[in-house]
Amino acid sequence: MAKRLSTLLVAGLLACSLATALANEAAPAVEDPVLEARMMAIASELRCLVCQNQTIADSHADLAVDLRRQVREMLQAGQTDQQIAEYMTARYGDFVLYRPPFKAMTALLWLGPGAMVLVGLGALFVVLRRRSRMAADQFEPEEPDASP
């Protein structure tokens, strides 16, 4: 039994080492590394519409792969970074931009977190103020319930 187990273990280790030995390095997506760097820079500024918390450069969703391919094709066609960003914004709205511009439609997006912090601090101030005015006997621990 022990001999059989050790034989299986050696065979498993050989199979794993053979798999790593046969692995190839991934081929670059394009022949032009400058173009690929520009594509990745643009892709890191565009939000994945499926994941929403990742850029299309980081996402593995099918739509993100398609958008990266489309950005690459637009760069190969000679379009500028600004033209690509404008095209994506026209097609998907400001939401596609990872850093949308400040305007009336995005004001809540930009000002909302600060407003929430101010509301939270105000609520904390009110609660602490009320507690400081309470009598000391109101802070006594409750008696535990009698167990049956």
N, C-alpha and C. Protein backbone atom coordinates (compact mmCIF):
# COMPACT_ATOMS: atom_id res chain seq x y z
N MET A 1 0.82 -1.19 0.00
CA MET A 1 0.00 0.00 0.00
C MET A 1 0.87 1.26 0.00
N ALA A 2 1.91 1.28 0.84
CA ALA A 2 2.80 2.44 0.91
C ALA A 2 3.57 2.61 -0.39
N LYS A 3 3.96 1.47 -0.99
CA LYS A 3 4.69 1.54 -2.25
C LYS A 3 3.81 2.12 -3.36
N ARG A 4 2.55 1.72 -3.37
CA ARG A 4 1.62 2.22 -4.38
C ARG A 4 1.40 3.73 -4.20
N LEU A 5 1.27 4.17 -2.94
CA LEU A 5 1.07 5.59 -2.65
C LEU A 5 2.29 6.41 -3.08
N SER A 6 3.48 5.92 -2.79
CA SER A 6 4.68 6.65 -3.18
C SER A 6 4.83 6.69 -4.71
N THR A 7 4.43 5.61 -5.39
CA THR A 7 4.48 5.59 -6.85
C THR A 7 3.52 6.62 -7.44
N LEU A 8 2.32 6.71 -6.87
CA LEU A 8 1.35 7.70 -7.33
C LEU A 8 1.85 9.12 -7.06
N LEU A 9 2.49 9.32 -5.94
CA LEU A 9 3.02 10.65 -5.59
C LEU A 9 4.12 11.06 -6.57
N VAL A 10 5.03 10.15 -6.88
CA VAL A 10 6.11 10.44 -7.83
C VAL A 10 5.53 10.71 -9.21
N ALA A 11 4.53 9.93 -9.63
CA ALA A 11 3.90 10.14 -10.93
C ALA A 11 3.21 11.49 -10.99
N GLY A 12 2.55 11.91 -9.92
CA GLY A 12 1.90 13.21 -9.86
C GLY A 12 2.90 14.34 -9.94
N LEU A 13 4.01 14.22 -9.23
CA LEU A 13 5.05 15.24 -9.27
C LEU A 13 5.67 15.35 -10.67
N LEU A 14 5.88 14.23 -11.32
CA LEU A 14 6.41 14.25 -12.68
C LEU A 14 5.43 14.91 -13.65
N ALA A 15 4.15 14.63 -13.49
CA ALA A 15 3.16 15.23 -14.37
C ALA A 15 3.12 16.75 -14.18
N CYS A 16 3.21 17.20 -12.94
CA CYS A 16 3.21 18.65 -12.67
C CYS A 16 4.45 19.31 -13.25
N SER A 17 5.59 18.70 -13.07
CA SER A 17 6.82 19.31 -13.59
C SER A 17 6.83 19.29 -15.11
N LEU A 18 6.25 18.28 -15.73
CA LEU A 18 6.17 18.23 -17.18
C LEU A 18 5.24 19.33 -17.71
N ALA A 19 4.15 19.58 -17.00
CA ALA A 19 3.20 20.63 -17.42
C ALA A 19 3.86 22.00 -17.37
N THR A 20 4.65 22.27 -16.33
CA THR A 20 5.32 23.58 -16.24
C THR A 20 6.43 23.68 -17.27
N ALA A 21 7.06 22.58 -17.60
CA ALA A 21 8.14 22.62 -18.59
C ALA A 21 7.59 22.89 -19.99
N LEU A 22 6.37 22.47 -20.28
CA LEU A 22 5.77 22.65 -21.59
C LEU A 22 5.05 23.99 -21.74
N ALA A 23 4.90 24.73 -20.65
CA ALA A 23 4.18 26.00 -20.71
C ALA A 23 4.97 27.01 -21.52
N ASN A 24 4.27 27.77 -22.33
CA ASN A 24 4.89 28.80 -23.17
C ASN A 24 4.57 30.18 -22.62
N GLU A 25 5.42 31.12 -22.95
CA GLU A 25 5.15 32.49 -22.56
C GLU A 25 4.09 33.06 -23.49
N ALA A 26 3.20 33.88 -22.92
CA ALA A 26 2.11 34.45 -23.70
C ALA A 26 2.66 35.39 -24.77
N ALA A 27 2.10 35.31 -25.94
CA ALA A 27 2.52 36.19 -27.02
C ALA A 27 1.92 37.57 -26.80
N PRO A 28 2.61 38.63 -27.17
CA PRO A 28 2.03 39.97 -27.00
C PRO A 28 0.79 40.13 -27.87
N ALA A 29 -0.13 40.97 -27.41
CA ALA A 29 -1.39 41.15 -28.12
C ALA A 29 -1.19 41.88 -29.44
N VAL A 30 -0.22 42.77 -29.49
CA VAL A 30 0.08 43.50 -30.73
C VAL A 30 1.57 43.50 -30.94
N GLU A 31 1.94 43.79 -32.15
CA GLU A 31 3.36 43.84 -32.48
C GLU A 31 4.01 45.13 -32.01
N ASP A 32 3.25 46.20 -31.88
CA ASP A 32 3.79 47.51 -31.52
C ASP A 32 3.61 47.74 -30.02
N PRO A 33 4.69 47.67 -29.23
CA PRO A 33 4.56 47.86 -27.79
C PRO A 33 4.15 49.28 -27.39
N VAL A 34 4.47 50.27 -28.21
CA VAL A 34 4.06 51.65 -27.93
C VAL A 34 2.55 51.77 -28.06
N LEU A 35 2.00 51.16 -29.10
CA LEU A 35 0.55 51.16 -29.30
C LEU A 35 -0.14 50.42 -28.16
N GLU A 36 0.44 49.32 -27.73
CA GLU A 36 -0.14 48.55 -26.63
C GLU A 36 -0.11 49.36 -25.33
N ALA A 37 0.96 50.09 -25.10
CA ALA A 37 1.05 50.93 -23.90
C ALA A 37 0.00 52.04 -23.93
N ARG A 38 -0.20 52.66 -25.09
CA ARG A 38 -1.25 53.68 -25.22
C ARG A 38 -2.63 53.08 -25.00
N MET A 39 -2.86 51.88 -25.54
CA MET A 39 -4.14 51.22 -25.36
C MET A 39 -4.39 50.93 -23.89
N MET A 40 -3.38 50.46 -23.18
CA MET A 40 -3.54 50.17 -21.75
C MET A 40 -3.75 51.44 -20.94
N ALA A 41 -3.10 52.54 -21.33
CA ALA A 41 -3.30 53.82 -20.63
C ALA A 41 -4.74 54.29 -20.80
N ILE A 42 -5.27 54.17 -22.00
CA ILE A 42 -6.66 54.56 -22.24
C ILE A 42 -7.60 53.60 -21.53
N ALA A 43 -7.31 52.31 -21.60
CA ALA A 43 -8.17 51.30 -20.96
C ALA A 43 -8.20 51.46 -19.44
N SER A 44 -7.13 51.99 -18.86
CA SER A 44 -7.13 52.18 -17.41
C SER A 44 -7.96 53.39 -16.99
N GLU A 45 -8.43 54.17 -17.94
CA GLU A 45 -9.30 55.32 -17.65
C GLU A 45 -10.76 55.03 -17.96
N LEU A 46 -11.05 53.84 -18.49
CA LEU A 46 -12.42 53.49 -18.84
C LEU A 46 -12.94 52.41 -17.90
N ARG A 47 -14.14 52.59 -17.40
CA ARG A 47 -14.76 51.66 -16.45
C ARG A 47 -15.36 50.47 -17.20
N CYS A 48 -15.19 49.30 -16.61
CA CYS A 48 -15.82 48.11 -17.15
C CYS A 48 -17.32 48.21 -16.86
N LEU A 49 -18.13 48.10 -17.89
CA LEU A 49 -19.57 48.25 -17.73
C LEU A 49 -20.21 47.03 -17.09
N VAL A 50 -19.49 45.92 -17.05
CA VAL A 50 -20.01 44.71 -16.43
C VAL A 50 -19.59 44.67 -14.96
N CYS A 51 -18.30 44.85 -14.69
CA CYS A 51 -17.78 44.76 -13.32
C CYS A 51 -18.06 46.02 -12.52
N GLN A 52 -17.93 47.17 -13.12
CA GLN A 52 -18.18 48.49 -12.58
C GLN A 52 -17.19 48.93 -11.51
N ASN A 53 -16.46 48.04 -10.90
CA ASN A 53 -15.46 48.46 -9.93
C ASN A 53 -14.05 48.22 -10.47
N GLN A 54 -13.95 47.95 -11.74
CA GLN A 54 -12.67 47.72 -12.39
C GLN A 54 -12.60 48.51 -13.69
N THR A 55 -11.38 48.77 -14.10
CA THR A 55 -11.21 49.37 -15.42
C THR A 55 -11.26 48.26 -16.46
N ILE A 56 -11.41 48.64 -17.73
CA ILE A 56 -11.42 47.60 -18.75
C ILE A 56 -10.02 47.00 -18.92
N ALA A 57 -8.99 47.70 -18.42
CA ALA A 57 -7.64 47.14 -18.47
C ALA A 57 -7.50 45.99 -17.47
N ASP A 58 -8.23 46.05 -16.36
CA ASP A 58 -8.11 45.04 -15.31
C ASP A 58 -9.14 43.91 -15.43
N SER A 59 -10.23 44.17 -16.14
CA SER A 59 -11.33 43.23 -16.18
C SER A 59 -11.10 42.12 -17.21
N HIS A 60 -11.65 40.95 -16.91
CA HIS A 60 -11.59 39.82 -17.84
C HIS A 60 -12.95 39.53 -18.45
N ALA A 61 -13.93 40.42 -18.21
CA ALA A 61 -15.27 40.23 -18.77
C ALA A 61 -15.19 40.33 -20.30
N ASP A 62 -16.09 39.63 -20.96
CA ASP A 62 -16.09 39.62 -22.43
C ASP A 62 -16.24 41.03 -23.00
N LEU A 63 -17.10 41.84 -22.39
CA LEU A 63 -17.29 43.20 -22.87
C LEU A 63 -16.01 44.02 -22.73
N ALA A 64 -15.29 43.84 -21.64
CA ALA A 64 -14.03 44.57 -21.44
C ALA A 64 -13.00 44.15 -22.48
N VAL A 65 -12.95 42.87 -22.79
CA VAL A 65 -12.03 42.39 -23.83
C VAL A 65 -12.39 43.02 -25.17
N ASP A 66 -13.70 43.07 -25.47
CA ASP A 66 -14.14 43.69 -26.72
C ASP A 66 -13.81 45.18 -26.76
N LEU A 67 -14.00 45.88 -25.64
CA LEU A 67 -13.69 47.31 -25.60
C LEU A 67 -12.19 47.56 -25.76
N ARG A 68 -11.35 46.71 -25.15
CA ARG A 68 -9.90 46.86 -25.34
C ARG A 68 -9.54 46.65 -26.82
N ARG A 69 -10.16 45.66 -27.44
CA ARG A 69 -9.92 45.41 -28.86
C ARG A 69 -10.36 46.61 -29.70
N GLN A 70 -11.50 47.17 -29.34
CA GLN A 70 -12.00 48.33 -30.08
C GLN A 70 -11.08 49.54 -29.90
N VAL A 71 -10.58 49.77 -28.69
CA VAL A 71 -9.64 50.87 -28.45
C VAL A 71 -8.38 50.64 -29.27
N ARG A 72 -7.89 49.41 -29.29
CA ARG A 72 -6.70 49.09 -30.07
C ARG A 72 -6.92 49.37 -31.55
N GLU A 73 -8.08 48.98 -32.07
CA GLU A 73 -8.38 49.23 -33.48
C GLU A 73 -8.48 50.73 -33.77
N MET A 74 -9.06 51.49 -32.86
CA MET A 74 -9.19 52.93 -33.05
C MET A 74 -7.81 53.60 -33.03
N LEU A 75 -6.92 53.11 -32.19
CA LEU A 75 -5.56 53.64 -32.16
C LEU A 75 -4.82 53.31 -33.46
N GLN A 76 -5.02 52.10 -33.95
CA GLN A 76 -4.39 51.71 -35.20
C GLN A 76 -4.93 52.52 -36.37
N ALA A 77 -6.18 53.00 -36.25
CA ALA A 77 -6.77 53.83 -37.30
C ALA A 77 -6.30 55.28 -37.21
N GLY A 78 -5.51 55.59 -36.18
CA GLY A 78 -4.93 56.93 -36.07
C GLY A 78 -5.70 57.90 -35.20
N GLN A 79 -6.69 57.42 -34.45
CA GLN A 79 -7.45 58.33 -33.59
C GLN A 79 -6.64 58.69 -32.35
N THR A 80 -6.92 59.87 -31.81
CA THR A 80 -6.22 60.33 -30.61
C THR A 80 -6.90 59.78 -29.36
N ASP A 81 -6.21 59.91 -28.24
CA ASP A 81 -6.78 59.46 -26.96
C ASP A 81 -8.07 60.21 -26.67
N GLN A 82 -8.09 61.50 -26.94
CA GLN A 82 -9.27 62.33 -26.69
C GLN A 82 -10.44 61.89 -27.57
N GLN A 83 -10.18 61.58 -28.82
CA GLN A 83 -11.24 61.13 -29.72
C GLN A 83 -11.84 59.80 -29.24
N ILE A 84 -10.99 58.92 -28.74
CA ILE A 84 -11.47 57.63 -28.24
C ILE A 84 -12.33 57.83 -27.00
N ALA A 85 -11.87 58.69 -26.09
CA ALA A 85 -12.64 58.96 -24.87
C ALA A 85 -13.99 59.60 -25.22
N GLU A 86 -14.01 60.51 -26.18
CA GLU A 86 -15.26 61.14 -26.60
C GLU A 86 -16.19 60.12 -27.24
N TYR A 87 -15.65 59.20 -28.04
CA TYR A 87 -16.47 58.16 -28.66
C TYR A 87 -17.10 57.27 -27.59
N MET A 88 -16.30 56.84 -26.63
CA MET A 88 -16.81 55.96 -25.58
C MET A 88 -17.86 56.68 -24.72
N THR A 89 -17.62 57.96 -24.45
CA THR A 89 -18.58 58.74 -23.66
C THR A 89 -19.88 58.94 -24.43
N ALA A 90 -19.78 59.19 -25.73
CA ALA A 90 -20.99 59.35 -26.55
C ALA A 90 -21.78 58.05 -26.61
N ARG A 91 -21.09 56.94 -26.62
CA ARG A 91 -21.76 55.65 -26.74
C ARG A 91 -22.31 55.14 -25.42
N TYR A 92 -21.53 55.29 -24.31
CA TYR A 92 -21.92 54.71 -23.02
C TYR A 92 -22.23 55.73 -21.94
N GLY A 93 -22.03 57.02 -22.21
CA GLY A 93 -22.29 58.05 -21.21
C GLY A 93 -21.07 58.29 -20.33
N ASP A 94 -21.19 59.28 -19.45
CA ASP A 94 -20.08 59.62 -18.56
C ASP A 94 -19.71 58.48 -17.61
N PHE A 95 -20.63 57.54 -17.42
CA PHE A 95 -20.37 56.43 -16.51
C PHE A 95 -19.17 55.60 -16.94
N VAL A 96 -18.88 55.55 -18.23
CA VAL A 96 -17.77 54.74 -18.72
C VAL A 96 -16.42 55.32 -18.30
N LEU A 97 -16.38 56.61 -18.01
CA LEU A 97 -15.13 57.24 -17.58
C LEU A 97 -14.88 56.92 -16.11
N TYR A 98 -13.68 56.49 -15.80
CA TYR A 98 -13.37 56.15 -14.41
C TYR A 98 -13.32 57.42 -13.55
N ARG A 99 -13.01 58.54 -14.16
CA ARG A 99 -13.04 59.85 -13.48
C ARG A 99 -13.94 60.78 -14.29
N PRO A 100 -15.26 60.69 -14.09
CA PRO A 100 -16.17 61.51 -14.89
C PRO A 100 -15.99 63.00 -14.59
N PRO A 101 -16.31 63.87 -15.56
CA PRO A 101 -16.15 65.30 -15.34
C PRO A 101 -17.20 65.82 -14.36
N PHE A 102 -16.88 66.95 -13.70
CA PHE A 102 -17.83 67.56 -12.78
C PHE A 102 -18.79 68.42 -13.58
N LYS A 103 -20.07 68.04 -13.55
CA LYS A 103 -21.12 68.82 -14.17
C LYS A 103 -22.42 68.49 -13.45
N ALA A 104 -23.51 69.08 -13.89
CA ALA A 104 -24.78 68.94 -13.17
C ALA A 104 -25.19 67.47 -12.99
N MET A 105 -24.98 66.66 -14.02
CA MET A 105 -25.39 65.25 -13.95
C MET A 105 -24.51 64.42 -13.01
N THR A 106 -23.29 64.86 -12.76
CA THR A 106 -22.38 64.09 -11.91
C THR A 106 -22.09 64.78 -10.59
N ALA A 107 -22.81 65.86 -10.27
CA ALA A 107 -22.55 66.60 -9.03
C ALA A 107 -22.75 65.71 -7.80
N LEU A 108 -23.80 64.91 -7.79
CA LEU A 108 -24.04 64.03 -6.64
C LEU A 108 -22.92 63.01 -6.49
N LEU A 109 -22.42 62.54 -7.60
CA LEU A 109 -21.31 61.59 -7.57
C LEU A 109 -20.08 62.20 -6.90
N TRP A 110 -19.80 63.46 -7.22
CA TRP A 110 -18.62 64.12 -6.66
C TRP A 110 -18.86 64.65 -5.25
N LEU A 111 -20.04 65.18 -4.98
CA LEU A 111 -20.30 65.83 -3.69
C LEU A 111 -20.95 64.89 -2.67
N GLY A 112 -21.55 63.79 -3.14
CA GLY A 112 -22.25 62.86 -2.26
C GLY A 112 -21.42 62.29 -1.12
N PRO A 113 -20.22 61.78 -1.37
CA PRO A 113 -19.43 61.22 -0.27
C PRO A 113 -19.10 62.25 0.81
N GLY A 114 -18.75 63.45 0.41
CA GLY A 114 -18.46 64.50 1.40
C GLY A 114 -19.69 64.86 2.21
N ALA A 115 -20.84 64.94 1.54
CA ALA A 115 -22.09 65.24 2.23
C ALA A 115 -22.43 64.13 3.23
N MET A 116 -22.19 62.88 2.85
CA MET A 116 -22.47 61.76 3.76
C MET A 116 -21.57 61.81 4.98
N VAL A 117 -20.31 62.17 4.81
CA VAL A 117 -19.39 62.29 5.94
C VAL A 117 -19.86 63.40 6.87
N LEU A 118 -20.28 64.54 6.31
CA LEU A 118 -20.76 65.64 7.13
C LEU A 118 -22.03 65.26 7.90
N VAL A 119 -22.94 64.55 7.26
CA VAL A 119 -24.15 64.09 7.95
C VAL A 119 -23.79 63.12 9.07
N GLY A 120 -22.86 62.21 8.82
CA GLY A 120 -22.43 61.26 9.84
C GLY A 120 -21.77 61.95 11.03
N LEU A 121 -20.92 62.93 10.75
CA LEU A 121 -20.28 63.68 11.84
C LEU A 121 -21.31 64.48 12.63
N GLY A 122 -22.30 65.06 11.94
CA GLY A 122 -23.36 65.79 12.62
C GLY A 122 -24.16 64.87 13.53
N ALA A 123 -24.50 63.67 13.05
CA ALA A 123 -25.24 62.71 13.86
C ALA A 123 -24.42 62.27 15.07
N LEU A 124 -23.13 62.05 14.88
CA LEU A 124 -22.26 61.68 15.98
C LEU A 124 -22.20 62.79 17.02
N PHE A 125 -22.11 64.03 16.58
CA PHE A 125 -22.08 65.18 17.50
C PHE A 125 -23.36 65.24 18.32
N VAL A 126 -24.52 65.06 17.66
CA VAL A 126 -25.81 65.11 18.37
C VAL A 126 -25.90 64.00 19.40
N VAL A 127 -25.52 62.78 19.04
CA VAL A 127 -25.59 61.65 19.97
C VAL A 127 -24.67 61.87 21.16
N LEU A 128 -23.44 62.30 20.91
CA LEU A 128 -22.50 62.53 22.02
C LEU A 128 -22.97 63.68 22.91
N ARG A 129 -23.56 64.69 22.34
CA ARG A 129 -24.06 65.82 23.12
C ARG A 129 -25.21 65.37 24.03
N ARG A 130 -26.12 64.56 23.49
CA ARG A 130 -27.24 64.05 24.31
C ARG A 130 -26.73 63.15 25.43
N ARG A 131 -25.75 62.31 25.12
CA ARG A 131 -25.22 61.40 26.14
C ARG A 131 -24.51 62.17 27.25
N SER A 132 -23.87 63.27 26.92
CA SER A 132 -23.17 64.04 27.95
C SER A 132 -24.14 64.71 28.91
N ARG A 133 -25.38 64.93 28.48
CA ARG A 133 -26.40 65.55 29.33
C ARG A 133 -27.21 64.54 30.13
N MET A 134 -26.99 63.26 29.92
CA MET A 134 -27.74 62.23 30.63
C MET A 134 -27.17 62.05 32.03
N ALA A 135 -28.02 61.65 32.95
CA ALA A 135 -27.59 61.40 34.33
C ALA A 135 -26.74 60.14 34.37
N ALA A 136 -25.86 60.07 35.36
CA ALA A 136 -24.93 58.94 35.46
C ALA A 136 -25.65 57.63 35.73
N ASP A 137 -26.79 57.66 36.42
CA ASP A 137 -27.49 56.40 36.74
C ASP A 137 -28.13 55.78 35.50
N GLN A 138 -28.25 56.50 34.44
CA GLN A 138 -28.80 55.93 33.21
C GLN A 138 -27.79 55.07 32.46
N PHE A 139 -26.56 55.08 32.90
CA PHE A 139 -25.52 54.28 32.25
C PHE A 139 -25.20 53.00 33.02
N GLU A 140 -25.99 52.66 34.06
CA GLU A 140 -25.76 51.44 34.82
C GLU A 140 -26.05 50.23 33.95
N PRO A 141 -25.24 49.20 34.06
CA PRO A 141 -25.52 47.99 33.25
C PRO A 141 -26.82 47.34 33.72
N GLU A 142 -27.53 46.78 32.78
CA GLU A 142 -28.80 46.12 33.11
C GLU A 142 -28.52 44.81 33.82
N GLU A 143 -29.47 44.41 34.65
CA GLU A 143 -29.36 43.11 35.33
C GLU A 143 -29.60 42.02 34.32
N PRO A 144 -28.82 40.96 34.37
CA PRO A 144 -29.08 39.84 33.43
C PRO A 144 -30.42 39.18 33.74
N ASP A 145 -31.05 38.70 32.71
CA ASP A 145 -32.34 38.01 32.88
C ASP A 145 -32.13 36.75 33.69
N ALA A 146 -33.12 36.45 34.52
CA ALA A 146 -33.04 35.22 35.31
C ALA A 146 -33.25 34.03 34.40
N SER A 147 -32.34 33.09 34.46
CA SER A 147 -32.48 31.91 33.61
C SER A 147 -33.35 30.88 34.31
N PRO A 148 -34.21 30.18 33.59
CA PRO A 148 -35.14 29.20 34.20
C PRO A 148 -34.49 27.96 34.65
